[in-house]
Amino acid sequence: MRVIAGKCRSLQLKTPKGVNTRPTLDRIKETLFNIIQNEVPGAVVADIFAGSGALGIEALSRGASKSYFIDNDTEALKCIEDNLAFTKLKDSSTILKGDVFTNLSRINAQHLDIIFIDPPYESGYEQKLFDTFKNLGNVDTETLIILESAKDMSVDFDGFDIIKTKEYKTNKHTFLRRKP
């Protein structure tokens, strides 16, 4: 796995060992960032269930100003730390260790521009996350939320507008914004 574009282009990233994480494939990551390329420069980003940190790192490489990484897996957290050190992006990053719901409220940005969510498939976290976003002051109608999920998964996105859905062979990205 590598950084696709930007100032860290072509740098190889570590991925956590084991089956607890499912890294986004380079070709899917490239497609995703082609879709959101105009949203990234200067953005404040949250990479939730970050795994290797590849999505937040890609955003920083492409000009995002800050990225928050949230994960509770020890191997994943070590991987994120190593990848941030290797790419020299540590100064524009904050790693929040532990429960995602506790850590969402610890993000000290006034506004989040982009939120990447890649929870374990079939975990049931999706619905609880969207319910939580409704009560966070830094998630508003301008925040772009991108959910990676199994292709056949459905969630009640009450309170959010689906902007776009991009399907791949076995999974999909759903792009959403909070309703006014």
N, C-alpha and C. Protein backbone atom coordinates (compact mmCIF):
# COMPACT_ATOMS: atom_id res chain seq x y z
N MET A 1 0.85 -1.17 0.00
CA MET A 1 0.00 0.00 0.00
C MET A 1 0.89 1.23 0.00
N ARG A 2 0.45 2.25 -0.75
CA ARG A 2 1.28 3.45 -0.89
C ARG A 2 0.43 4.70 -0.86
N VAL A 3 1.08 5.85 -0.71
CA VAL A 3 0.42 7.13 -0.86
C VAL A 3 0.32 7.38 -2.36
N ILE A 4 -0.87 7.72 -2.83
CA ILE A 4 -1.13 7.83 -4.27
C ILE A 4 -0.61 9.15 -4.85
N ALA A 5 -0.85 10.27 -4.18
CA ALA A 5 -0.52 11.58 -4.76
C ALA A 5 -0.12 12.56 -3.68
N GLY A 6 0.37 13.73 -4.13
CA GLY A 6 0.73 14.80 -3.21
C GLY A 6 2.18 14.76 -2.80
N LYS A 7 2.48 15.44 -1.70
CA LYS A 7 3.87 15.60 -1.30
C LYS A 7 4.52 14.30 -0.82
N CYS A 8 3.73 13.30 -0.47
CA CYS A 8 4.27 12.00 -0.04
C CYS A 8 4.06 10.92 -1.09
N ARG A 9 3.80 11.33 -2.31
CA ARG A 9 3.50 10.40 -3.40
C ARG A 9 4.50 9.26 -3.48
N SER A 10 3.95 8.06 -3.64
CA SER A 10 4.70 6.82 -3.84
C SER A 10 5.36 6.25 -2.58
N LEU A 11 5.24 6.92 -1.45
CA LEU A 11 5.81 6.36 -0.23
C LEU A 11 4.99 5.15 0.20
N GLN A 12 5.68 4.07 0.55
CA GLN A 12 5.01 2.85 0.98
C GLN A 12 4.57 2.98 2.44
N LEU A 13 3.37 2.53 2.71
CA LEU A 13 2.84 2.56 4.06
C LEU A 13 2.79 1.15 4.64
N LYS A 14 2.99 1.06 5.95
CA LYS A 14 2.84 -0.21 6.64
C LYS A 14 1.35 -0.50 6.83
N THR A 15 1.01 -1.76 6.90
CA THR A 15 -0.35 -2.16 7.24
C THR A 15 -0.30 -3.05 8.47
N PRO A 16 -1.32 -2.97 9.31
CA PRO A 16 -1.32 -3.82 10.51
C PRO A 16 -1.35 -5.29 10.14
N LYS A 17 -0.63 -6.08 10.92
CA LYS A 17 -0.65 -7.54 10.72
C LYS A 17 -1.96 -8.10 11.26
N GLY A 18 -2.36 -9.23 10.75
CA GLY A 18 -3.55 -9.90 11.26
C GLY A 18 -4.79 -9.58 10.44
N VAL A 19 -5.92 -9.99 10.96
CA VAL A 19 -7.19 -9.85 10.22
C VAL A 19 -8.11 -8.80 10.84
N ASN A 20 -7.61 -8.02 11.79
CA ASN A 20 -8.46 -7.02 12.44
C ASN A 20 -8.69 -5.78 11.60
N THR A 21 -7.86 -5.56 10.58
CA THR A 21 -8.04 -4.41 9.70
C THR A 21 -8.15 -4.87 8.26
N ARG A 22 -8.75 -4.01 7.46
CA ARG A 22 -8.99 -4.30 6.06
C ARG A 22 -8.58 -3.05 5.27
N PRO A 23 -7.30 -2.93 4.90
CA PRO A 23 -6.84 -1.72 4.23
C PRO A 23 -7.57 -1.46 2.91
N THR A 24 -7.87 -0.19 2.66
CA THR A 24 -8.48 0.21 1.40
C THR A 24 -7.45 0.02 0.29
N LEU A 25 -7.83 -0.70 -0.75
CA LEU A 25 -6.93 -0.96 -1.87
C LEU A 25 -6.53 0.35 -2.55
N ASP A 26 -5.31 0.39 -3.09
CA ASP A 26 -4.81 1.59 -3.74
C ASP A 26 -5.73 2.08 -4.85
N ARG A 27 -6.25 1.19 -5.67
CA ARG A 27 -7.09 1.64 -6.78
C ARG A 27 -8.42 2.22 -6.29
N ILE A 28 -8.94 1.71 -5.19
CA ILE A 28 -10.17 2.26 -4.60
C ILE A 28 -9.87 3.60 -3.94
N LYS A 29 -8.73 3.68 -3.26
CA LYS A 29 -8.31 4.94 -2.63
C LYS A 29 -8.12 6.02 -3.69
N GLU A 30 -7.52 5.65 -4.81
CA GLU A 30 -7.32 6.61 -5.89
C GLU A 30 -8.65 7.11 -6.44
N THR A 31 -9.60 6.20 -6.66
CA THR A 31 -10.93 6.59 -7.14
C THR A 31 -11.61 7.52 -6.13
N LEU A 32 -11.55 7.15 -4.86
CA LEU A 32 -12.15 7.96 -3.80
C LEU A 32 -11.60 9.38 -3.82
N PHE A 33 -10.29 9.52 -3.86
CA PHE A 33 -9.68 10.85 -3.82
C PHE A 33 -9.87 11.62 -5.13
N ASN A 34 -10.05 10.94 -6.23
CA ASN A 34 -10.41 11.64 -7.47
C ASN A 34 -11.79 12.29 -7.33
N ILE A 35 -12.69 11.62 -6.64
CA ILE A 35 -14.05 12.14 -6.43
C ILE A 35 -14.03 13.36 -5.52
N ILE A 36 -13.21 13.35 -4.47
CA ILE A 36 -13.24 14.43 -3.48
C ILE A 36 -12.07 15.40 -3.59
N GLN A 37 -11.33 15.37 -4.69
CA GLN A 37 -10.10 16.14 -4.80
C GLN A 37 -10.25 17.63 -4.49
N ASN A 38 -11.38 18.23 -4.81
CA ASN A 38 -11.56 19.66 -4.55
C ASN A 38 -11.92 19.96 -3.10
N GLU A 39 -12.28 18.95 -2.34
CA GLU A 39 -12.66 19.12 -0.93
C GLU A 39 -11.44 19.05 0.01
N VAL A 40 -10.34 18.47 -0.47
CA VAL A 40 -9.23 18.12 0.42
C VAL A 40 -8.31 19.28 0.80
N PRO A 41 -7.88 20.15 -0.12
CA PRO A 41 -6.92 21.19 0.27
C PRO A 41 -7.43 22.05 1.43
N GLY A 42 -6.63 22.11 2.49
CA GLY A 42 -6.96 22.90 3.67
C GLY A 42 -7.94 22.25 4.63
N ALA A 43 -8.42 21.07 4.31
CA ALA A 43 -9.47 20.41 5.11
C ALA A 43 -8.96 19.90 6.45
N VAL A 44 -9.87 19.86 7.41
CA VAL A 44 -9.66 19.17 8.68
C VAL A 44 -10.40 17.85 8.56
N VAL A 45 -9.66 16.75 8.75
CA VAL A 45 -10.13 15.42 8.43
C VAL A 45 -10.15 14.53 9.68
N ALA A 46 -11.13 13.63 9.75
CA ALA A 46 -11.13 12.58 10.76
C ALA A 46 -11.15 11.23 10.05
N ASP A 47 -10.22 10.37 10.40
CA ASP A 47 -10.12 9.02 9.86
C ASP A 47 -10.53 8.07 10.99
N ILE A 48 -11.77 7.60 10.93
CA ILE A 48 -12.36 6.79 12.00
C ILE A 48 -12.24 5.32 11.67
N PHE A 49 -11.85 4.51 12.64
CA PHE A 49 -11.44 3.11 12.41
C PHE A 49 -10.29 3.15 11.42
N ALA A 50 -9.26 3.91 11.77
CA ALA A 50 -8.20 4.32 10.85
C ALA A 50 -7.32 3.19 10.33
N GLY A 51 -7.17 2.10 11.05
CA GLY A 51 -6.33 1.00 10.56
C GLY A 51 -4.89 1.44 10.39
N SER A 52 -4.43 1.53 9.17
CA SER A 52 -3.06 1.98 8.88
C SER A 52 -2.95 3.49 8.84
N GLY A 53 -4.09 4.18 8.80
CA GLY A 53 -4.09 5.64 8.67
C GLY A 53 -4.00 6.10 7.23
N ALA A 54 -4.13 5.19 6.29
CA ALA A 54 -3.89 5.50 4.87
C ALA A 54 -4.79 6.62 4.33
N LEU A 55 -6.06 6.67 4.74
CA LEU A 55 -6.95 7.69 4.20
C LEU A 55 -6.61 9.07 4.75
N GLY A 56 -6.37 9.17 6.04
CA GLY A 56 -5.96 10.45 6.62
C GLY A 56 -4.61 10.91 6.11
N ILE A 57 -3.70 9.98 5.93
CA ILE A 57 -2.37 10.32 5.39
C ILE A 57 -2.48 10.77 3.94
N GLU A 58 -3.29 10.10 3.16
CA GLU A 58 -3.51 10.51 1.76
C GLU A 58 -4.06 11.94 1.72
N ALA A 59 -5.01 12.23 2.60
CA ALA A 59 -5.59 13.58 2.64
C ALA A 59 -4.52 14.62 3.00
N LEU A 60 -3.69 14.31 4.01
CA LEU A 60 -2.61 15.24 4.38
C LEU A 60 -1.62 15.42 3.23
N SER A 61 -1.27 14.34 2.57
CA SER A 61 -0.35 14.43 1.44
C SER A 61 -0.90 15.32 0.33
N ARG A 62 -2.21 15.34 0.19
CA ARG A 62 -2.87 16.14 -0.86
C ARG A 62 -3.27 17.53 -0.39
N GLY A 63 -2.83 17.93 0.81
CA GLY A 63 -3.03 19.31 1.23
C GLY A 63 -4.00 19.56 2.36
N ALA A 64 -4.56 18.52 2.98
CA ALA A 64 -5.39 18.74 4.16
C ALA A 64 -4.53 19.37 5.25
N SER A 65 -5.13 20.20 6.10
CA SER A 65 -4.35 20.90 7.11
C SER A 65 -4.17 20.11 8.40
N LYS A 66 -5.11 19.20 8.69
CA LYS A 66 -5.05 18.46 9.95
C LYS A 66 -5.81 17.15 9.77
N SER A 67 -5.31 16.09 10.42
CA SER A 67 -6.02 14.82 10.39
C SER A 67 -6.02 14.21 11.77
N TYR A 68 -7.21 13.78 12.19
CA TYR A 68 -7.40 13.04 13.44
C TYR A 68 -7.56 11.58 13.07
N PHE A 69 -6.85 10.71 13.77
CA PHE A 69 -6.92 9.27 13.53
C PHE A 69 -7.50 8.62 14.79
N ILE A 70 -8.56 7.82 14.62
CA ILE A 70 -9.17 7.13 15.75
C ILE A 70 -9.15 5.63 15.49
N ASP A 71 -8.60 4.90 16.44
CA ASP A 71 -8.62 3.43 16.39
C ASP A 71 -8.38 2.92 17.80
N ASN A 72 -8.79 1.67 18.06
CA ASN A 72 -8.54 1.10 19.39
C ASN A 72 -7.66 -0.14 19.32
N ASP A 73 -7.24 -0.56 18.12
CA ASP A 73 -6.40 -1.73 17.96
C ASP A 73 -4.93 -1.35 18.14
N THR A 74 -4.24 -2.03 19.05
CA THR A 74 -2.85 -1.71 19.36
C THR A 74 -1.95 -1.79 18.14
N GLU A 75 -2.11 -2.83 17.35
CA GLU A 75 -1.29 -3.01 16.14
C GLU A 75 -1.56 -1.88 15.14
N ALA A 76 -2.82 -1.51 14.98
CA ALA A 76 -3.17 -0.41 14.07
C ALA A 76 -2.58 0.91 14.55
N LEU A 77 -2.67 1.18 15.82
CA LEU A 77 -2.13 2.43 16.37
C LEU A 77 -0.63 2.54 16.16
N LYS A 78 0.09 1.44 16.36
CA LYS A 78 1.54 1.43 16.11
C LYS A 78 1.82 1.69 14.64
N CYS A 79 1.02 1.10 13.79
CA CYS A 79 1.17 1.27 12.34
C CYS A 79 0.94 2.74 11.94
N ILE A 80 -0.10 3.36 12.49
CA ILE A 80 -0.38 4.77 12.20
C ILE A 80 0.80 5.63 12.64
N GLU A 81 1.28 5.40 13.85
CA GLU A 81 2.43 6.17 14.35
C GLU A 81 3.64 6.02 13.45
N ASP A 82 3.95 4.79 13.04
CA ASP A 82 5.09 4.54 12.14
C ASP A 82 4.88 5.23 10.79
N ASN A 83 3.67 5.13 10.24
CA ASN A 83 3.40 5.74 8.93
C ASN A 83 3.48 7.27 8.99
N LEU A 84 3.00 7.87 10.08
CA LEU A 84 3.10 9.32 10.22
C LEU A 84 4.54 9.77 10.37
N ALA A 85 5.34 9.01 11.10
CA ALA A 85 6.77 9.34 11.24
C ALA A 85 7.48 9.21 9.90
N PHE A 86 7.19 8.12 9.18
CA PHE A 86 7.84 7.87 7.90
C PHE A 86 7.50 8.95 6.86
N THR A 87 6.24 9.39 6.84
CA THR A 87 5.81 10.39 5.86
C THR A 87 6.08 11.82 6.33
N LYS A 88 6.55 11.95 7.57
CA LYS A 88 6.84 13.27 8.17
C LYS A 88 5.57 14.13 8.26
N LEU A 89 4.45 13.50 8.57
CA LEU A 89 3.17 14.20 8.69
C LEU A 89 2.66 14.24 10.14
N LYS A 90 3.53 13.88 11.06
CA LYS A 90 3.14 13.78 12.47
C LYS A 90 2.67 15.12 13.04
N ASP A 91 3.30 16.23 12.62
CA ASP A 91 2.97 17.54 13.18
C ASP A 91 1.56 18.00 12.84
N SER A 92 0.98 17.48 11.78
CA SER A 92 -0.37 17.89 11.40
C SER A 92 -1.39 16.80 11.73
N SER A 93 -1.05 15.95 12.68
CA SER A 93 -1.89 14.80 13.02
C SER A 93 -2.10 14.68 14.52
N THR A 94 -3.24 14.11 14.87
CA THR A 94 -3.54 13.74 16.25
C THR A 94 -4.09 12.32 16.24
N ILE A 95 -3.48 11.45 17.04
CA ILE A 95 -3.96 10.07 17.16
C ILE A 95 -4.76 9.97 18.45
N LEU A 96 -5.99 9.50 18.33
CA LEU A 96 -6.86 9.31 19.48
C LEU A 96 -7.06 7.82 19.67
N LYS A 97 -6.56 7.31 20.79
CA LYS A 97 -6.55 5.87 21.05
C LYS A 97 -7.77 5.47 21.87
N GLY A 98 -8.45 4.43 21.43
CA GLY A 98 -9.55 3.90 22.21
C GLY A 98 -10.88 3.96 21.48
N ASP A 99 -11.94 3.92 22.26
CA ASP A 99 -13.30 3.86 21.75
C ASP A 99 -13.62 5.05 20.83
N VAL A 100 -14.18 4.73 19.67
CA VAL A 100 -14.48 5.75 18.68
C VAL A 100 -15.49 6.78 19.21
N PHE A 101 -16.49 6.35 19.93
CA PHE A 101 -17.54 7.26 20.38
C PHE A 101 -17.03 8.23 21.45
N THR A 102 -16.18 7.77 22.32
CA THR A 102 -15.55 8.64 23.31
C THR A 102 -14.63 9.63 22.62
N ASN A 103 -13.87 9.14 21.65
CA ASN A 103 -12.88 9.99 20.99
C ASN A 103 -13.48 11.00 20.01
N LEU A 104 -14.64 10.73 19.47
CA LEU A 104 -15.27 11.72 18.59
C LEU A 104 -15.50 13.04 19.33
N SER A 105 -15.87 12.95 20.58
CA SER A 105 -16.10 14.17 21.37
C SER A 105 -14.79 14.82 21.81
N ARG A 106 -13.67 14.13 21.66
CA ARG A 106 -12.36 14.68 22.04
C ARG A 106 -11.68 15.43 20.89
N ILE A 107 -12.26 15.37 19.70
CA ILE A 107 -11.69 16.12 18.57
C ILE A 107 -11.90 17.59 18.85
N ASN A 108 -10.81 18.35 18.94
CA ASN A 108 -10.94 19.74 19.34
C ASN A 108 -11.04 20.72 18.18
N ALA A 109 -11.34 20.24 16.99
CA ALA A 109 -11.55 21.13 15.85
C ALA A 109 -12.96 21.71 15.92
N GLN A 110 -13.09 22.98 15.59
CA GLN A 110 -14.42 23.61 15.58
C GLN A 110 -15.28 23.03 14.46
N HIS A 111 -14.64 22.62 13.38
CA HIS A 111 -15.38 22.10 12.23
C HIS A 111 -14.57 20.97 11.59
N LEU A 112 -15.24 19.88 11.29
CA LEU A 112 -14.62 18.81 10.50
C LEU A 112 -15.11 18.94 9.07
N ASP A 113 -14.17 18.96 8.13
CA ASP A 113 -14.53 19.09 6.71
C ASP A 113 -14.85 17.74 6.10
N ILE A 114 -14.05 16.72 6.44
CA ILE A 114 -14.21 15.39 5.86
C ILE A 114 -14.07 14.35 6.97
N ILE A 115 -14.99 13.38 6.97
CA ILE A 115 -14.89 12.26 7.90
C ILE A 115 -14.88 10.97 7.08
N PHE A 116 -13.83 10.19 7.25
CA PHE A 116 -13.74 8.87 6.64
C PHE A 116 -14.14 7.84 7.68
N ILE A 117 -15.09 6.97 7.33
CA ILE A 117 -15.52 5.91 8.26
C ILE A 117 -15.34 4.58 7.55
N ASP A 118 -14.58 3.69 8.16
CA ASP A 118 -14.38 2.35 7.60
C ASP A 118 -14.44 1.33 8.73
N PRO A 119 -15.66 1.15 9.31
CA PRO A 119 -15.78 0.22 10.44
C PRO A 119 -15.72 -1.23 9.98
N PRO A 120 -15.50 -2.13 10.92
CA PRO A 120 -15.59 -3.56 10.55
C PRO A 120 -16.97 -3.82 9.94
N TYR A 121 -16.99 -4.51 8.82
CA TYR A 121 -18.27 -4.79 8.16
C TYR A 121 -19.16 -5.61 9.07
N GLU A 122 -20.45 -5.37 8.98
CA GLU A 122 -21.46 -6.09 9.76
C GLU A 122 -21.31 -5.88 11.26
N SER A 123 -20.69 -4.79 11.67
CA SER A 123 -20.45 -4.54 13.09
C SER A 123 -21.60 -3.81 13.76
N GLY A 124 -22.41 -3.12 12.97
CA GLY A 124 -23.50 -2.34 13.54
C GLY A 124 -23.07 -0.95 14.01
N TYR A 125 -21.81 -0.59 13.84
CA TYR A 125 -21.32 0.72 14.26
C TYR A 125 -21.92 1.85 13.43
N GLU A 126 -22.27 1.58 12.19
CA GLU A 126 -22.69 2.63 11.27
C GLU A 126 -23.85 3.45 11.82
N GLN A 127 -24.90 2.78 12.23
CA GLN A 127 -26.09 3.49 12.70
C GLN A 127 -25.78 4.34 13.94
N LYS A 128 -25.03 3.77 14.85
CA LYS A 128 -24.68 4.50 16.07
C LYS A 128 -23.82 5.72 15.75
N LEU A 129 -22.92 5.59 14.76
CA LEU A 129 -22.09 6.73 14.36
C LEU A 129 -22.93 7.87 13.82
N PHE A 130 -23.87 7.55 12.93
CA PHE A 130 -24.69 8.61 12.35
C PHE A 130 -25.60 9.25 13.40
N ASP A 131 -26.05 8.49 14.36
CA ASP A 131 -26.81 9.05 15.47
C ASP A 131 -25.93 9.98 16.30
N THR A 132 -24.66 9.61 16.48
CA THR A 132 -23.71 10.43 17.24
C THR A 132 -23.39 11.72 16.48
N PHE A 133 -23.21 11.64 15.16
CA PHE A 133 -22.88 12.83 14.36
C PHE A 133 -23.95 13.92 14.50
N LYS A 134 -25.20 13.53 14.70
CA LYS A 134 -26.29 14.51 14.84
C LYS A 134 -26.08 15.40 16.06
N ASN A 135 -25.32 14.93 17.03
CA ASN A 135 -25.14 15.66 18.28
C ASN A 135 -23.76 16.30 18.43
N LEU A 136 -22.93 16.19 17.40
CA LEU A 136 -21.60 16.79 17.47
C LEU A 136 -21.61 18.18 16.84
N GLY A 137 -21.10 19.15 17.55
CA GLY A 137 -21.08 20.52 17.05
C GLY A 137 -20.14 20.75 15.89
N ASN A 138 -19.13 19.89 15.74
CA ASN A 138 -18.17 20.09 14.65
C ASN A 138 -18.54 19.31 13.38
N VAL A 139 -19.71 18.68 13.37
CA VAL A 139 -20.24 18.01 12.17
C VAL A 139 -21.49 18.78 11.76
N ASP A 140 -21.41 19.46 10.61
CA ASP A 140 -22.53 20.29 10.17
C ASP A 140 -22.88 20.02 8.71
N THR A 141 -23.66 20.88 8.12
CA THR A 141 -24.13 20.67 6.74
C THR A 141 -23.02 20.74 5.71
N GLU A 142 -21.87 21.27 6.08
CA GLU A 142 -20.73 21.37 5.17
C GLU A 142 -19.79 20.18 5.29
N THR A 143 -19.94 19.37 6.33
CA THR A 143 -19.07 18.22 6.56
C THR A 143 -19.40 17.12 5.56
N LEU A 144 -18.39 16.64 4.85
CA LEU A 144 -18.55 15.52 3.93
C LEU A 144 -18.19 14.24 4.69
N ILE A 145 -19.16 13.33 4.79
CA ILE A 145 -18.96 12.07 5.49
C ILE A 145 -18.89 10.97 4.43
N ILE A 146 -17.86 10.14 4.49
CA ILE A 146 -17.67 9.07 3.52
C ILE A 146 -17.62 7.75 4.27
N LEU A 147 -18.61 6.92 4.01
CA LEU A 147 -18.72 5.62 4.67
C LEU A 147 -18.32 4.52 3.69
N GLU A 148 -17.33 3.72 4.08
CA GLU A 148 -17.00 2.51 3.32
C GLU A 148 -17.73 1.35 3.99
N SER A 149 -18.43 0.57 3.18
CA SER A 149 -19.22 -0.53 3.74
C SER A 149 -19.32 -1.67 2.73
N ALA A 150 -19.85 -2.78 3.21
CA ALA A 150 -20.16 -3.90 2.32
C ALA A 150 -21.18 -3.40 1.30
N LYS A 151 -21.12 -3.94 0.12
CA LYS A 151 -21.98 -3.49 -0.98
C LYS A 151 -23.46 -3.61 -0.64
N ASP A 152 -23.85 -4.63 0.11
CA ASP A 152 -25.27 -4.87 0.38
C ASP A 152 -25.74 -4.30 1.72
N MET A 153 -24.90 -3.56 2.43
CA MET A 153 -25.27 -3.01 3.72
C MET A 153 -26.19 -1.80 3.56
N SER A 154 -27.17 -1.69 4.44
CA SER A 154 -28.03 -0.51 4.41
C SER A 154 -28.10 0.08 5.82
N VAL A 155 -28.19 1.39 5.87
CA VAL A 155 -28.24 2.14 7.12
C VAL A 155 -29.36 3.16 6.98
N ASP A 156 -30.02 3.49 8.07
CA ASP A 156 -31.00 4.56 8.08
C ASP A 156 -30.23 5.87 8.26
N PHE A 157 -30.12 6.62 7.18
CA PHE A 157 -29.36 7.87 7.21
C PHE A 157 -30.26 9.05 7.52
N ASP A 158 -31.24 8.85 8.40
CA ASP A 158 -32.17 9.91 8.78
C ASP A 158 -31.38 11.12 9.28
N GLY A 159 -31.65 12.27 8.70
CA GLY A 159 -30.94 13.49 9.07
C GLY A 159 -29.75 13.79 8.17
N PHE A 160 -29.49 12.91 7.19
CA PHE A 160 -28.36 13.08 6.28
C PHE A 160 -28.82 12.89 4.84
N ASP A 161 -28.24 13.64 3.93
CA ASP A 161 -28.51 13.49 2.50
C ASP A 161 -27.40 12.67 1.87
N ILE A 162 -27.78 11.68 1.08
CA ILE A 162 -26.79 10.93 0.30
C ILE A 162 -26.48 11.75 -0.94
N ILE A 163 -25.22 12.12 -1.09
CA ILE A 163 -24.76 12.93 -2.22
C ILE A 163 -24.42 12.03 -3.40
N LYS A 164 -23.80 10.90 -3.08
CA LYS A 164 -23.31 10.01 -4.13
C LYS A 164 -23.03 8.64 -3.53
N THR A 165 -23.15 7.62 -4.33
CA THR A 165 -22.73 6.28 -3.95
C THR A 165 -21.84 5.75 -5.06
N LYS A 166 -20.69 5.22 -4.68
CA LYS A 166 -19.76 4.63 -5.64
C LYS A 166 -19.58 3.17 -5.26
N GLU A 167 -20.02 2.28 -6.14
CA GLU A 167 -19.91 0.84 -5.87
C GLU A 167 -18.69 0.25 -6.55
N TYR A 168 -18.09 -0.69 -5.85
CA TYR A 168 -16.96 -1.45 -6.35
C TYR A 168 -17.39 -2.92 -6.40
N LYS A 169 -16.45 -3.81 -6.60
CA LYS A 169 -16.78 -5.23 -6.73
C LYS A 169 -17.49 -5.78 -5.48
N THR A 170 -16.93 -5.53 -4.30
CA THR A 170 -17.48 -6.11 -3.08
C THR A 170 -17.89 -5.09 -2.03
N ASN A 171 -17.59 -3.84 -2.25
CA ASN A 171 -17.92 -2.81 -1.26
C ASN A 171 -18.38 -1.53 -1.95
N LYS A 172 -18.64 -0.50 -1.15
CA LYS A 172 -19.09 0.77 -1.71
C LYS A 172 -18.69 1.92 -0.80
N HIS A 173 -18.65 3.12 -1.39
CA HIS A 173 -18.50 4.36 -0.64
C HIS A 173 -19.80 5.12 -0.76
N THR A 174 -20.32 5.58 0.38
CA THR A 174 -21.51 6.42 0.40
C THR A 174 -21.06 7.79 0.91
N PHE A 175 -21.38 8.83 0.13
CA PHE A 175 -20.99 10.20 0.44
C PHE A 175 -22.22 10.93 0.96
N LEU A 176 -22.10 11.53 2.14
CA LEU A 176 -23.27 12.15 2.78
C LEU A 176 -22.93 13.50 3.38
N ARG A 177 -23.97 14.31 3.54
CA ARG A 177 -23.88 15.56 4.30
C ARG A 177 -25.11 15.66 5.19
N ARG A 178 -24.94 16.31 6.31
CA ARG A 178 -26.06 16.52 7.23
C ARG A 178 -27.11 17.41 6.59
N LYS A 179 -28.37 17.10 6.83
CA LYS A 179 -29.45 17.94 6.32
C LYS A 179 -29.49 19.24 7.11
N PRO A 180 -29.90 20.33 6.46
CA PRO A 180 -30.00 21.63 7.18
C PRO A 180 -31.04 21.55 8.28
